Amino acid sequence: QLDDQPIFLLDDVFGDLDQHRTEVLLNALTKHNGQTFITSA
């Protein structure tokens, strides 16, 4: 919808995801051209 890519902030969300869905989400983020910030322990 917008002319500029949004910034995506992900805060401590991978602890609730299994390995498969973690990989699906990370692969999607690597393909998305926008800037992403991920926090994780």
Full PDB file with SEQRES, HELIX, SHEET, SSBOND, CRYST1, ORIGX, SCALE, CONECT and MASTER records, all heavy atoms in Angstrom:
SEQRES   1 A   41  GLN LEU ASP ASP GLN PRO ILE PHE LEU LEU ASP ASP VAL          
SEQRES   2 A   41  PHE GLY ASP LEU ASP GLN HIS ARG THR GLU VAL LEU LEU          
SEQRES   3 A   41  ASN ALA LEU THR LYS HIS ASN GLY GLN THR PHE ILE THR          
SEQRES   4 A   41  SER ALA                                                      
HELIX    1 AA1 PHE A   14  ASP A   16  5                                   3    
HELIX    2 AA2 GLN A   19  LYS A   31  1                                  13    
SHEET    1 AA1 2 PHE A   8  ASP A  11  0                                        
SHEET    2 AA1 2 THR A  36  THR A  39  1                                        
CRYST1    1.000    1.000    1.000  90.00  90.00  90.00 P 1           1          
ORIGX1      1.000000  0.000000  0.000000        0.00000                         
ORIGX2      0.000000  1.000000  0.000000        0.00000                         
ORIGX3      0.000000  0.000000  1.000000        0.00000                         
SCALE1      1.000000  0.000000  0.000000        0.00000                         
SCALE2      0.000000  1.000000  0.000000        0.00000                         
SCALE3      0.000000  0.000000  1.000000        0.00000                         
ATOM      1  N   GLN A   1       0.803  -1.214   0.000  1.00  0.00           N  
ATOM      2  CA  GLN A   1       0.000   0.000   0.000  1.00  0.00           C  
ATOM      3  C   GLN A   1       0.844   1.276   0.000  1.00  0.00           C  
ATOM      4  O   GLN A   1       0.391   2.314  -0.481  1.00  0.00           O  
ATOM      5  CB  GLN A   1      -0.919   0.026   1.227  1.00  0.00           C  
ATOM      6  CG  GLN A   1      -1.985  -1.054   1.243  1.00  0.00           C  
ATOM      7  CD  GLN A   1      -3.048  -0.835   0.186  1.00  0.00           C  
ATOM      8  OE1 GLN A   1      -3.461   0.290  -0.081  1.00  0.00           O  
ATOM      9  NE2 GLN A   1      -3.494  -1.925  -0.439  1.00  0.00           N  
ATOM     10  N   LEU A   2       2.051   1.209   0.534  1.00  0.00           N  
ATOM     11  CA  LEU A   2       2.861   2.407   0.732  1.00  0.00           C  
ATOM     12  C   LEU A   2       4.024   2.462  -0.248  1.00  0.00           C  
ATOM     13  O   LEU A   2       4.462   1.444  -0.776  1.00  0.00           O  
ATOM     14  CB  LEU A   2       3.396   2.440   2.171  1.00  0.00           C  
ATOM     15  CG  LEU A   2       2.328   2.454   3.275  1.00  0.00           C  
ATOM     16  CD1 LEU A   2       2.977   2.306   4.651  1.00  0.00           C  
ATOM     17  CD2 LEU A   2       1.508   3.740   3.214  1.00  0.00           C  
ATOM     18  N   ASP A   3       4.527   3.666  -0.441  1.00  0.00           N  
ATOM     19  CA  ASP A   3       5.665   3.855  -1.339  1.00  0.00           C  
ATOM     20  C   ASP A   3       6.977   3.415  -0.702  1.00  0.00           C  
ATOM     21  O   ASP A   3       7.926   3.075  -1.402  1.00  0.00           O  
ATOM     22  CB  ASP A   3       5.766   5.328  -1.755  1.00  0.00           C  
ATOM     23  CG  ASP A   3       4.576   5.773  -2.578  1.00  0.00           C  
ATOM     24  OD1 ASP A   3       4.110   4.980  -3.418  1.00  0.00           O  
ATOM     25  OD2 ASP A   3       4.103   6.907  -2.389  1.00  0.00           O  
ATOM     26  N   ASP A   4       7.039   3.454   0.632  1.00  0.00           N  
ATOM     27  CA  ASP A   4       8.236   3.035   1.357  1.00  0.00           C  
ATOM     28  C   ASP A   4       7.967   1.765   2.137  1.00  0.00           C  
ATOM     29  O   ASP A   4       6.868   1.558   2.651  1.00  0.00           O  
ATOM     30  CB  ASP A   4       8.697   4.134   2.326  1.00  0.00           C  
ATOM     31  CG  ASP A   4       9.764   5.030   1.715  1.00  0.00           C  
ATOM     32  OD1 ASP A   4      10.679   4.487   1.080  1.00  0.00           O  
ATOM     33  OD2 ASP A   4       9.674   6.263   1.877  1.00  0.00           O  
ATOM     34  N   GLN A   5       8.998   0.912   2.245  1.00  0.00           N  
ATOM     35  CA  GLN A   5       8.868  -0.317   3.015  1.00  0.00           C  
ATOM     36  C   GLN A   5       8.718   0.004   4.499  1.00  0.00           C  
ATOM     37  O   GLN A   5       9.348   0.925   5.014  1.00  0.00           O  
ATOM     38  CB  GLN A   5      10.126  -1.177   2.821  1.00  0.00           C  
ATOM     39  CG  GLN A   5      10.404  -1.581   1.393  1.00  0.00           C  
ATOM     40  CD  GLN A   5       9.696  -2.862   1.013  1.00  0.00           C  
ATOM     41  OE1 GLN A   5       8.952  -3.421   1.809  1.00  0.00           O  
ATOM     42  NE2 GLN A   5       9.921  -3.340  -0.193  1.00  0.00           N  
ATOM     43  N   PRO A   6       7.899  -0.741   5.231  1.00  0.00           N  
ATOM     44  CA  PRO A   6       7.811  -0.547   6.678  1.00  0.00           C  
ATOM     45  C   PRO A   6       9.016  -1.153   7.392  1.00  0.00           C  
ATOM     46  O   PRO A   6       9.710  -2.017   6.848  1.00  0.00           O  
ATOM     47  CB  PRO A   6       6.530  -1.298   7.050  1.00  0.00           C  
ATOM     48  CG  PRO A   6       6.437  -2.385   6.023  1.00  0.00           C  
ATOM     49  CD  PRO A   6       6.981  -1.781   4.744  1.00  0.00           C  
ATOM     50  N   ILE A   7       9.265  -0.694   8.598  1.00  0.00           N  
ATOM     51  CA  ILE A   7      10.248  -1.303   9.482  1.00  0.00           C  
ATOM     52  C   ILE A   7       9.525  -2.350  10.329  1.00  0.00           C  
ATOM     53  O   ILE A   7       8.435  -2.106  10.834  1.00  0.00           O  
ATOM     54  CB  ILE A   7      10.917  -0.238  10.378  1.00  0.00           C  
ATOM     55  CG1 ILE A   7      11.805   0.684   9.523  1.00  0.00           C  
ATOM     56  CG2 ILE A   7      11.747  -0.882  11.478  1.00  0.00           C  
ATOM     57  CD1 ILE A   7      12.402   1.843  10.301  1.00  0.00           C  
ATOM     58  N   PHE A   8      10.131  -3.514  10.480  1.00  0.00           N  
ATOM     59  CA  PHE A   8       9.513  -4.619  11.213  1.00  0.00           C  
ATOM     60  C   PHE A   8      10.320  -4.883  12.478  1.00  0.00           C  
ATOM     61  O   PHE A   8      11.536  -5.130  12.414  1.00  0.00           O  
ATOM     62  CB  PHE A   8       9.492  -5.867  10.329  1.00  0.00           C  
ATOM     63  CG  PHE A   8       8.555  -6.957  10.802  1.00  0.00           C  
ATOM     64  CD1 PHE A   8       7.549  -6.710  11.710  1.00  0.00           C  
ATOM     65  CD2 PHE A   8       8.684  -8.249  10.308  1.00  0.00           C  
ATOM     66  CE1 PHE A   8       6.677  -7.710  12.130  1.00  0.00           C  
ATOM     67  CE2 PHE A   8       7.823  -9.256  10.717  1.00  0.00           C  
ATOM     68  CZ  PHE A   8       6.816  -8.982  11.634  1.00  0.00           C  
ATOM     69  N   LEU A   9       9.660  -4.807  13.647  1.00  0.00           N  
ATOM     70  CA  LEU A   9      10.303  -5.046  14.929  1.00  0.00           C  
ATOM     71  C   LEU A   9       9.756  -6.343  15.523  1.00  0.00           C  
ATOM     72  O   LEU A   9       8.550  -6.459  15.753  1.00  0.00           O  
ATOM     73  CB  LEU A   9      10.027  -3.889  15.894  1.00  0.00           C  
ATOM     74  CG  LEU A   9      10.307  -2.467  15.392  1.00  0.00           C  
ATOM     75  CD1 LEU A   9       9.911  -1.447  16.455  1.00  0.00           C  
ATOM     76  CD2 LEU A   9      11.782  -2.305  15.030  1.00  0.00           C  
ATOM     77  N   LEU A  10      10.631  -7.311  15.766  1.00  0.00           N  
ATOM     78  CA  LEU A  10      10.221  -8.578  16.371  1.00  0.00           C  
ATOM     79  C   LEU A  10      10.928  -8.727  17.716  1.00  0.00           C  
ATOM     80  O   LEU A  10      12.166  -8.814  17.761  1.00  0.00           O  
ATOM     81  CB  LEU A  10      10.576  -9.768  15.474  1.00  0.00           C  
ATOM     82  CG  LEU A  10       9.884  -9.841  14.107  1.00  0.00           C  
ATOM     83  CD1 LEU A  10      10.723  -9.151  13.042  1.00  0.00           C  
ATOM     84  CD2 LEU A  10       9.632 -11.287  13.712  1.00  0.00           C  
ATOM     85  N   ASP A  11      10.161  -8.739  18.778  1.00  0.00           N  
ATOM     86  CA  ASP A  11      10.733  -8.765  20.116  1.00  0.00           C  
ATOM     87  C   ASP A  11      10.470 -10.102  20.789  1.00  0.00           C  
ATOM     88  O   ASP A  11       9.334 -10.398  21.192  1.00  0.00           O  
ATOM     89  CB  ASP A  11      10.142  -7.622  20.966  1.00  0.00           C  
ATOM     90  CG  ASP A  11      10.766  -7.548  22.344  1.00  0.00           C  
ATOM     91  OD1 ASP A  11      11.984  -7.800  22.459  1.00  0.00           O  
ATOM     92  OD2 ASP A  11      10.041  -7.231  23.301  1.00  0.00           O  
ATOM     93  N   ASP A  12      11.512 -10.910  20.886  1.00  0.00           N  
ATOM     94  CA  ASP A  12      11.463 -12.147  21.668  1.00  0.00           C  
ATOM     95  C   ASP A  12      10.274 -13.027  21.280  1.00  0.00           C  
ATOM     96  O   ASP A  12       9.491 -13.448  22.139  1.00  0.00           O  
ATOM     97  CB  ASP A  12      11.395 -11.798  23.166  1.00  0.00           C  
ATOM     98  CG  ASP A  12      11.662 -13.009  24.065  1.00  0.00           C  
ATOM     99  OD1 ASP A  12      12.336 -13.945  23.596  1.00  0.00           O  
ATOM    100  OD2 ASP A  12      11.175 -13.010  25.214  1.00  0.00           O  
ATOM    101  N   VAL A  13      10.156 -13.322  20.004  1.00  0.00           N  
ATOM    102  CA  VAL A  13       8.995 -14.090  19.540  1.00  0.00           C  
ATOM    103  C   VAL A  13       9.338 -15.530  19.162  1.00  0.00           C  
ATOM    104  O   VAL A  13       8.426 -16.340  18.970  1.00  0.00           O  
ATOM    105  CB  VAL A  13       8.330 -13.402  18.323  1.00  0.00           C  
ATOM    106  CG1 VAL A  13       7.835 -12.031  18.707  1.00  0.00           C  
ATOM    107  CG2 VAL A  13       9.278 -13.326  17.144  1.00  0.00           C  
ATOM    108  N   PHE A  14      10.621 -15.872  19.064  1.00  0.00           N  
ATOM    109  CA  PHE A  14      10.968 -17.192  18.543  1.00  0.00           C  
ATOM    110  C   PHE A  14      10.898 -18.294  19.595  1.00  0.00           C  
ATOM    111  O   PHE A  14      10.876 -19.468  19.256  1.00  0.00           O  
ATOM    112  CB  PHE A  14      12.364 -17.158  17.917  1.00  0.00           C  
ATOM    113  CG  PHE A  14      12.395 -16.402  16.617  1.00  0.00           C  
ATOM    114  CD1 PHE A  14      12.761 -15.070  16.582  1.00  0.00           C  
ATOM    115  CD2 PHE A  14      12.025 -17.015  15.437  1.00  0.00           C  
ATOM    116  CE1 PHE A  14      12.774 -14.363  15.394  1.00  0.00           C  
ATOM    117  CE2 PHE A  14      12.028 -16.322  14.238  1.00  0.00           C  
ATOM    118  CZ  PHE A  14      12.403 -14.985  14.208  1.00  0.00           C  
ATOM    119  N   GLY A  15      10.840 -17.916  20.867  1.00  0.00           N  
ATOM    120  CA  GLY A  15      10.744 -18.931  21.910  1.00  0.00           C  
ATOM    121  C   GLY A  15       9.447 -19.714  21.860  1.00  0.00           C  
ATOM    122  O   GLY A  15       9.382 -20.852  22.341  1.00  0.00           O  
ATOM    123  N   ASP A  16       8.407 -19.132  21.275  1.00  0.00           N  
ATOM    124  CA  ASP A  16       7.101 -19.800  21.199  1.00  0.00           C  
ATOM    125  C   ASP A  16       6.902 -20.570  19.903  1.00  0.00           C  
ATOM    126  O   ASP A  16       5.836 -21.157  19.702  1.00  0.00           O  
ATOM    127  CB  ASP A  16       5.979 -18.762  21.331  1.00  0.00           C  
ATOM    128  CG  ASP A  16       5.892 -18.187  22.729  1.00  0.00           C  
ATOM    129  OD1 ASP A  16       6.288 -18.881  23.676  1.00  0.00           O  
ATOM    130  OD2 ASP A  16       5.445 -17.037  22.861  1.00  0.00           O  
ATOM    131  N   LEU A  17       7.896 -20.551  19.013  1.00  0.00           N  
ATOM    132  CA  LEU A  17       7.742 -21.213  17.717  1.00  0.00           C  
ATOM    133  C   LEU A  17       8.602 -22.459  17.640  1.00  0.00           C  
ATOM    134  O   LEU A  17       9.738 -22.481  18.130  1.00  0.00           O  
ATOM    135  CB  LEU A  17       8.141 -20.256  16.581  1.00  0.00           C  
ATOM    136  CG  LEU A  17       7.323 -18.973  16.428  1.00  0.00           C  
ATOM    137  CD1 LEU A  17       7.899 -18.118  15.309  1.00  0.00           C  
ATOM    138  CD2 LEU A  17       5.863 -19.289  16.147  1.00  0.00           C  
ATOM    139  N   ASP A  18       8.077 -23.493  17.001  1.00  0.00           N  
ATOM    140  CA  ASP A  18       8.886 -24.682  16.797  1.00  0.00           C  
ATOM    141  C   ASP A  18       9.898 -24.422  15.686  1.00  0.00           C  
ATOM    142  O   ASP A  18       9.885 -23.383  15.028  1.00  0.00           O  
ATOM    143  CB  ASP A  18       8.002 -25.900  16.490  1.00  0.00           C  
ATOM    144  CG  ASP A  18       7.132 -25.705  15.248  1.00  0.00           C  
ATOM    145  OD1 ASP A  18       7.559 -24.998  14.310  1.00  0.00           O  
ATOM    146  OD2 ASP A  18       6.012 -26.239  15.213  1.00  0.00           O  
ATOM    147  N   GLN A  19      10.792 -25.389  15.467  1.00  0.00           N  
ATOM    148  CA  GLN A  19      11.892 -25.196  14.523  1.00  0.00           C  
ATOM    149  C   GLN A  19      11.386 -24.943  13.102  1.00  0.00           C  
ATOM    150  O   GLN A  19      11.900 -24.066  12.400  1.00  0.00           O  
ATOM    151  CB  GLN A  19      12.813 -26.422  14.533  1.00  0.00           C  
ATOM    152  CG  GLN A  19      14.010 -26.276  13.586  1.00  0.00           C  
ATOM    153  CD  GLN A  19      14.936 -27.478  13.647  1.00  0.00           C  
ATOM    154  OE1 GLN A  19      14.777 -28.360  14.489  1.00  0.00           O  
ATOM    155  NE2 GLN A  19      15.921 -27.514  12.752  1.00  0.00           N  
ATOM    156  N   HIS A  20      10.363 -25.685  12.696  1.00  0.00           N  
ATOM    157  CA  HIS A  20       9.864 -25.530  11.328  1.00  0.00           C  
ATOM    158  C   HIS A  20       9.306 -24.121  11.106  1.00  0.00           C  
ATOM    159  O   HIS A  20       9.637 -23.470  10.107  1.00  0.00           O  
ATOM    160  CB  HIS A  20       8.786 -26.573  11.038  1.00  0.00           C  
ATOM    161  CG  HIS A  20       8.088 -26.363   9.732  1.00  0.00           C  
ATOM    162  ND1 HIS A  20       8.708 -26.555   8.511  1.00  0.00           N  
ATOM    163  CD2 HIS A  20       6.813 -25.943   9.450  1.00  0.00           C  
ATOM    164  CE1 HIS A  20       7.853 -26.273   7.538  1.00  0.00           C  
ATOM    165  NE2 HIS A  20       6.697 -25.905   8.083  1.00  0.00           N  
ATOM    166  N   ARG A  21       8.481 -23.649  12.019  1.00  0.00           N  
ATOM    167  CA  ARG A  21       7.875 -22.329  11.831  1.00  0.00           C  
ATOM    168  C   ARG A  21       8.906 -21.220  12.015  1.00  0.00           C  
ATOM    169  O   ARG A  21       8.790 -20.157  11.409  1.00  0.00           O  
ATOM    170  CB  ARG A  21       6.694 -22.158  12.783  1.00  0.00           C  
ATOM    171  CG  ARG A  21       5.539 -23.083  12.413  1.00  0.00           C  
ATOM    172  CD  ARG A  21       4.260 -22.748  13.135  1.00  0.00           C  
ATOM    173  NE  ARG A  21       3.178 -23.584  12.643  1.00  0.00           N  
ATOM    174  CZ  ARG A  21       2.768 -24.701  13.226  1.00  0.00           C  
ATOM    175  NH1 ARG A  21       3.366 -25.120  14.335  1.00  0.00           N  
ATOM    176  NH2 ARG A  21       1.774 -25.410  12.711  1.00  0.00           N  
ATOM    177  N   THR A  22       9.902 -21.453  12.845  1.00  0.00           N  
ATOM    178  CA  THR A  22      11.011 -20.498  12.949  1.00  0.00           C  
ATOM    179  C   THR A  22      11.706 -20.344  11.609  1.00  0.00           C  
ATOM    180  O   THR A  22      11.988 -19.228  11.158  1.00  0.00           O  
ATOM    181  CB  THR A  22      12.016 -20.963  14.021  1.00  0.00           C  
ATOM    182  OG1 THR A  22      11.384 -20.932  15.303  1.00  0.00           O  
ATOM    183  CG2 THR A  22      13.235 -20.054  14.051  1.00  0.00           C  
ATOM    184  N   GLU A  23      11.968 -21.454  10.939  1.00  0.00           N  
ATOM    185  CA  GLU A  23      12.635 -21.412   9.631  1.00  0.00           C  
ATOM    186  C   GLU A  23      11.741 -20.757   8.582  1.00  0.00           C  
ATOM    187  O   GLU A  23      12.223 -19.975   7.749  1.00  0.00           O  
ATOM    188  CB  GLU A  23      13.027 -22.824   9.201  1.00  0.00           C  
ATOM    189  CG  GLU A  23      14.134 -23.428  10.054  1.00  0.00           C  
ATOM    190  CD  GLU A  23      14.441 -24.871   9.672  1.00  0.00           C  
ATOM    191  OE1 GLU A  23      13.739 -25.402   8.772  1.00  0.00           O  
ATOM    192  OE2 GLU A  23      15.358 -25.458  10.266  1.00  0.00           O  
ATOM    193  N   VAL A  24      10.441 -21.050   8.617  1.00  0.00           N  
ATOM    194  CA  VAL A  24       9.508 -20.435   7.668  1.00  0.00           C  
ATOM    195  C   VAL A  24       9.502 -18.916   7.838  1.00  0.00           C  
ATOM    196  O   VAL A  24       9.576 -18.152   6.861  1.00  0.00           O  
ATOM    197  CB  VAL A  24       8.084 -20.999   7.856  1.00  0.00           C  
ATOM    198  CG1 VAL A  24       7.079 -20.197   7.034  1.00  0.00           C  
ATOM    199  CG2 VAL A  24       8.040 -22.464   7.438  1.00  0.00           C  
ATOM    200  N   LEU A  25       9.433 -18.455   9.095  1.00  0.00           N  
ATOM    201  CA  LEU A  25       9.407 -17.018   9.357  1.00  0.00           C  
ATOM    202  C   LEU A  25      10.714 -16.354   8.959  1.00  0.00           C  
ATOM    203  O   LEU A  25      10.709 -15.304   8.298  1.00  0.00           O  
ATOM    204  CB  LEU A  25       9.121 -16.777  10.844  1.00  0.00           C  
ATOM    205  CG  LEU A  25       9.144 -15.310  11.317  1.00  0.00           C  
ATOM    206  CD1 LEU A  25       8.185 -14.452  10.500  1.00  0.00           C  
ATOM    207  CD2 LEU A  25       8.816 -15.220  12.789  1.00  0.00           C  
ATOM    208  N   LEU A  26      11.843 -16.951   9.318  1.00  0.00           N  
ATOM    209  CA  LEU A  26      13.135 -16.346   8.988  1.00  0.00           C  
ATOM    210  C   LEU A  26      13.359 -16.308   7.480  1.00  0.00           C  
ATOM    211  O   LEU A  26      13.900 -15.334   6.944  1.00  0.00           O  
ATOM    212  CB  LEU A  26      14.262 -17.108   9.674  1.00  0.00           C  
ATOM    213  CG  LEU A  26      14.380 -16.902  11.198  1.00  0.00           C  
ATOM    214  CD1 LEU A  26      15.466 -17.802  11.777  1.00  0.00           C  
ATOM    215  CD2 LEU A  26      14.664 -15.441  11.521  1.00  0.00           C  
ATOM    216  N   ASN A  27      12.954 -17.362   6.778  1.00  0.00           N  
ATOM    217  CA  ASN A  27      13.094 -17.364   5.316  1.00  0.00           C  
ATOM    218  C   ASN A  27      12.242 -16.266   4.687  1.00  0.00           C  
ATOM    219  O   ASN A  27      12.663 -15.616   3.717  1.00  0.00           O  
ATOM    220  CB  ASN A  27      12.700 -18.730   4.744  1.00  0.00           C  
ATOM    221  CG  ASN A  27      13.791 -19.771   4.941  1.00  0.00           C  
ATOM    222  OD1 ASN A  27      14.977 -19.458   4.876  1.00  0.00           O  
ATOM    223  ND2 ASN A  27      13.403 -21.010   5.209  1.00  0.00           N  
ATOM    224  N   ALA A  28      11.050 -16.044   5.237  1.00  0.00           N  
ATOM    225  CA  ALA A  28      10.195 -14.964   4.729  1.00  0.00           C  
ATOM    226  C   ALA A  28      10.851 -13.607   4.946  1.00  0.00           C  
ATOM    227  O   ALA A  28      10.806 -12.736   4.074  1.00  0.00           O  
ATOM    228  CB  ALA A  28       8.827 -15.023   5.409  1.00  0.00           C  
ATOM    229  N   LEU A  29      11.481 -13.427   6.103  1.00  0.00           N  
ATOM    230  CA  LEU A  29      12.118 -12.144   6.406  1.00  0.00           C  
ATOM    231  C   LEU A  29      13.352 -11.903   5.532  1.00  0.00           C  
ATOM    232  O   LEU A  29      13.632 -10.754   5.165  1.00  0.00           O  
ATOM    233  CB  LEU A  29      12.505 -12.090   7.887  1.00  0.00           C  
ATOM    234  CG  LEU A  29      11.330 -12.129   8.879  1.00  0.00           C  
ATOM    235  CD1 LEU A  29      11.835 -12.130  10.304  1.00  0.00           C  
ATOM    236  CD2 LEU A  29      10.400 -10.948   8.650  1.00  0.00           C  
ATOM    237  N   THR A  30      14.077 -12.958   5.203  1.00  0.00           N  
ATOM    238  CA  THR A  30      15.242 -12.775   4.334  1.00  0.00           C  
ATOM    239  C   THR A  30      14.827 -12.377   2.919  1.00  0.00           C  
ATOM    240  O   THR A  30      15.557 -11.663   2.222  1.00  0.00           O  
ATOM    241  CB  THR A  30      16.097 -14.056   4.273  1.00  0.00           C  
ATOM    242  OG1 THR A  30      15.299 -15.134   3.769  1.00  0.00           O  
ATOM    243  CG2 THR A  30      16.637 -14.406   5.642  1.00  0.00           C  
ATOM    244  N   LYS A  31      13.629 -12.801   2.502  1.00  0.00           N  
ATOM    245  CA  LYS A  31      13.147 -12.465   1.161  1.00  0.00           C  
ATOM    246  C   LYS A  31      12.475 -11.099   1.106  1.00  0.00           C  
ATOM    247  O   LYS A  31      12.400 -10.479   0.043  1.00  0.00           O  
ATOM    248  CB  LYS A  31      12.167 -13.544   0.679  1.00  0.00           C  
ATOM    249  CG  LYS A  31      12.814 -14.902   0.475  1.00  0.00           C  
ATOM    250  CD  LYS A  31      11.772 -15.957   0.117  1.00  0.00           C  
ATOM    251  CE  LYS A  31      12.412 -17.333  -0.016  1.00  0.00           C  
ATOM    252  NZ  LYS A  31      11.396 -18.390  -0.296  1.00  0.00           N  
ATOM    253  N   HIS A  32      11.972 -10.635   2.257  1.00  0.00           N  
ATOM    254  CA  HIS A  32      11.335  -9.321   2.295  1.00  0.00           C  
ATOM    255  C   HIS A  32      12.404  -8.244   2.257  1.00  0.00           C  
ATOM    256  O   HIS A  32      13.412  -8.324   2.954  1.00  0.00           O  
ATOM    257  CB  HIS A  32      10.488  -9.186   3.563  1.00  0.00           C  
ATOM    258  CG  HIS A  32       9.635  -7.966   3.578  1.00  0.00           C  
ATOM    259  ND1 HIS A  32      10.038  -6.788   4.160  1.00  0.00           N  
ATOM    260  CD2 HIS A  32       8.407  -7.717   3.069  1.00  0.00           C  
ATOM    261  CE1 HIS A  32       9.092  -5.869   4.015  1.00  0.00           C  
ATOM    262  NE2 HIS A  32       8.096  -6.415   3.354  1.00  0.00           N  
ATOM    263  N   ASN A  33      12.194  -7.213   1.449  1.00  0.00           N  
ATOM    264  CA  ASN A  33      13.229  -6.206   1.239  1.00  0.00           C  
ATOM    265  C   ASN A  33      13.302  -5.145   2.331  1.00  0.00           C  
ATOM    266  O   ASN A  33      14.242  -4.349   2.370  1.00  0.00           O  
ATOM    267  CB  ASN A  33      13.019  -5.512  -0.112  1.00  0.00           C  
ATOM    268  CG  ASN A  33      13.293  -6.431  -1.279  1.00  0.00           C  
ATOM    269  OD1 ASN A  33      14.175  -7.281  -1.193  1.00  0.00           O  
ATOM    270  ND2 ASN A  33      12.538  -6.284  -2.357  1.00  0.00           N  
ATOM    271  N   GLY A  34      12.308  -5.115   3.220  1.00  0.00           N  
ATOM    272  CA  GLY A  34      12.301  -4.101   4.256  1.00  0.00           C  
ATOM    273  C   GLY A  34      13.319  -4.376   5.351  1.00  0.00           C  
ATOM    274  O   GLY A  34      13.912  -5.453   5.440  1.00  0.00           O  
ATOM    275  N   GLN A  35      13.505  -3.382   6.220  1.00  0.00           N  
ATOM    276  CA  GLN A  35      14.448  -3.509   7.329  1.00  0.00           C  
ATOM    277  C   GLN A  35      13.760  -4.186   8.515  1.00  0.00           C  
ATOM    278  O   GLN A  35      12.637  -3.853   8.871  1.00  0.00           O  
ATOM    279  CB  GLN A  35      14.961  -2.137   7.742  1.00  0.00           C  
ATOM    280  CG  GLN A  35      16.118  -2.171   8.728  1.00  0.00           C  
ATOM    281  CD  GLN A  35      16.589  -0.769   9.098  1.00  0.00           C  
ATOM    282  OE1 GLN A  35      15.800   0.173   9.135  1.00  0.00           O  
ATOM    283  NE2 GLN A  35      17.877  -0.621   9.373  1.00  0.00           N  
ATOM    284  N   THR A  36      14.452  -5.144   9.117  1.00  0.00           N  
ATOM    285  CA  THR A  36      13.904  -5.937  10.203  1.00  0.00           C  
ATOM    286  C   THR A  36      14.841  -5.911  11.397  1.00  0.00           C  
ATOM    287  O   THR A  36      16.064  -5.955  11.242  1.00  0.00           O  
ATOM    288  CB  THR A  36      13.683  -7.396   9.757  1.00  0.00           C  
ATOM    289  OG1 THR A  36      12.732  -7.431   8.688  1.00  0.00           O  
ATOM    290  CG2 THR A  36      13.165  -8.254  10.895  1.00  0.00           C  
ATOM    291  N   PHE A  37      14.243  -5.860  12.591  1.00  0.00           N  
ATOM    292  CA  PHE A  37      14.997  -5.929  13.846  1.00  0.00           C  
ATOM    293  C   PHE A  37      14.442  -7.088  14.672  1.00  0.00           C  
ATOM    294  O   PHE A  37      13.242  -7.167  14.895  1.00  0.00           O  
ATOM    295  CB  PHE A  37      14.881  -4.622  14.624  1.00  0.00           C  
ATOM    296  CG  PHE A  37      15.532  -3.456  13.944  1.00  0.00           C  
ATOM    297  CD1 PHE A  37      14.860  -2.753  12.949  1.00  0.00           C  
ATOM    298  CD2 PHE A  37      16.821  -3.064  14.277  1.00  0.00           C  
ATOM    299  CE1 PHE A  37      15.459  -1.693  12.308  1.00  0.00           C  
ATOM    300  CE2 PHE A  37      17.434  -2.004  13.636  1.00  0.00           C  
ATOM    301  CZ  PHE A  37      16.749  -1.306  12.646  1.00  0.00           C  
ATOM    302  N   ILE A  38      15.337  -7.964  15.119  1.00  0.00           N  
ATOM    303  CA  ILE A  38      14.940  -9.154  15.867  1.00  0.00           C  
ATOM    304  C   ILE A  38      15.714  -9.193  17.175  1.00  0.00           C  
ATOM    305  O   ILE A  38      16.944  -9.089  17.175  1.00  0.00           O  
ATOM    306  CB  ILE A  38      15.237 -10.441  15.076  1.00  0.00           C  
ATOM    307  CG1 ILE A  38      14.544 -10.425  13.707  1.00  0.00           C  
ATOM    308  CG2 ILE A  38      14.824 -11.669  15.865  1.00  0.00           C  
ATOM    309  CD1 ILE A  38      14.987 -11.552  12.789  1.00  0.00           C  
ATOM    310  N   THR A  39      15.015  -9.333  18.305  1.00  0.00           N  
ATOM    311  CA  THR A  39      15.686  -9.566  19.578  1.00  0.00           C  
ATOM    312  C   THR A  39      15.479 -11.017  19.976  1.00  0.00           C  
ATOM    313  O   THR A  39      14.402 -11.589  19.780  1.00  0.00           O  
ATOM    314  CB  THR A  39      15.154  -8.655  20.695  1.00  0.00           C  
ATOM    315  OG1 THR A  39      13.816  -9.026  21.032  1.00  0.00           O  
ATOM    316  CG2 THR A  39      15.178  -7.200  20.265  1.00  0.00           C  
ATOM    317  N   SER A  40      16.524 -11.609  20.530  1.00  0.00           N  
ATOM    318  CA  SER A  40      16.443 -13.020  20.927  1.00  0.00           C  
ATOM    319  C   SER A  40      17.543 -13.326  21.939  1.00  0.00           C  
ATOM    320  O   SER A  40      18.637 -12.752  21.868  1.00  0.00           O  
ATOM    321  CB  SER A  40      16.589 -13.931  19.713  1.00  0.00           C  
ATOM    322  OG  SER A  40      16.613 -15.288  20.100  1.00  0.00           O  
ATOM    323  N   ALA A  41      17.251 -14.220  22.875  1.00  0.00           N  
ATOM    324  CA  ALA A  41      18.254 -14.660  23.834  1.00  0.00           C  
ATOM    325  C   ALA A  41      19.119 -15.777  23.275  1.00  0.00           C  
ATOM    326  O   ALA A  41      20.157 -16.102  23.848  1.00  0.00           O  
ATOM    327  CB  ALA A  41      17.574 -15.121  25.130  1.00  0.00           C  
TER     328      ALA A  41                                                      
MASTER        0    0    0    2    2    0    0    6  327    1    0    4          
END                                                                             
